[in-house]
Protein backbone atom coordinates (compact mmCIF):
# COMPACT_ATOMS: atom_id res chain seq x y z
CA MET A 1 114.78 39.12 59.51
CA PRO A 2 115.43 39.24 55.80
CA ASN A 3 119.03 38.72 54.71
CA ALA A 4 119.83 37.49 58.26
CA ARG A 5 120.22 41.05 59.51
CA ALA A 6 118.43 42.65 62.43
CA SER A 7 115.94 45.28 61.36
CA SER A 8 115.73 47.11 64.66
CA ILE A 9 116.22 50.74 65.56
CA CYS A 10 119.21 51.56 67.70
CA ARG A 11 117.91 52.65 71.11
CA ASN A 12 121.00 54.75 71.76
CA CYS A 13 120.99 56.95 68.65
CA ASN A 14 117.64 56.07 66.95
CA ASP A 15 119.42 55.10 63.74
CA ASN A 16 116.88 53.65 61.30
CA GLN A 17 119.45 51.57 59.43
CA HIS A 18 120.09 47.90 60.13
CA LEU A 19 121.98 47.26 63.33
CA SER A 20 125.38 45.78 62.83
CA ARG A 21 128.14 44.69 65.17
CA ASN A 22 130.30 47.65 64.09
CA HIS A 23 127.46 50.11 64.69
CA VAL A 24 126.90 48.79 68.22
CA ILE A 25 130.64 48.94 69.00
CA SER A 26 130.94 52.55 67.85
CA CYS A 27 127.55 53.79 69.10
CA PHE A 28 127.97 52.48 72.64
CA ASN A 29 131.73 53.18 72.72
CA LEU A 30 132.38 49.61 73.84
CA HIS A 31 136.17 49.94 73.74
CA ALA A 32 136.06 52.43 76.61
CA PHE A 33 133.19 50.69 78.42
CA LEU A 34 134.94 47.29 78.38
CA ASN A 35 138.38 48.83 78.96
CA VAL A 36 139.82 47.29 75.79
CA PRO A 37 142.52 48.97 73.63
CA TYR A 38 141.22 50.64 70.47
CA VAL A 39 143.55 48.55 68.28
CA VAL A 40 141.36 45.49 69.02
CA PRO A 41 138.81 45.38 66.17
CA ASP A 42 136.13 43.42 68.08
CA PRO A 43 136.00 44.20 71.83
CA ILE A 44 133.03 41.90 72.46
CA SER A 45 134.82 38.77 71.25
CA PHE A 46 138.03 39.92 72.93
CA VAL A 47 136.35 40.02 76.35
CA LEU A 48 134.36 36.82 75.87
CA ASN A 49 137.42 34.87 74.68
CA SER A 50 139.73 36.11 77.43
CA PRO A 51 140.48 33.76 80.33
CA PRO A 52 138.70 34.27 83.68
CA THR A 53 140.30 36.72 86.12
CA LYS A 54 139.31 34.83 89.29
CA ARG A 55 139.58 31.21 90.34
CA PRO A 56 136.33 29.20 90.43
CA THR A 57 134.37 29.19 93.69
CA PRO A 58 134.71 26.00 95.77
CA ASN A 59 131.62 23.77 95.89
CA SER A 60 131.37 24.15 99.67
CA ASN A 61 130.84 27.90 99.28
CA LYS A 62 128.24 27.33 96.60
CA ARG A 63 126.30 24.89 98.81
CA TYR A 64 126.47 27.31 101.76
CA TRP A 65 125.05 30.24 99.79
CA LYS A 66 122.43 28.04 98.16
CA TYR A 67 121.32 26.90 101.64
CA ILE A 68 121.30 30.46 103.01
CA TRP A 69 119.27 31.91 100.12
CA SER A 70 116.81 29.00 99.80
């Protein structure tokens, strides 16, 4: 990867240029897919940096499902 940029072809639109974060956001229409307002410049970071929507699962439930699926 010269210049620290990915030199891949976009699988969605077959663009031969270097993939960039902005290209992926626009090509895959991530604002609509992730249900993020269009005024947010980076929907990927917005979703990853948002707090969780559910409380963590209790350890007793985790042990139960681990036992059931083992």
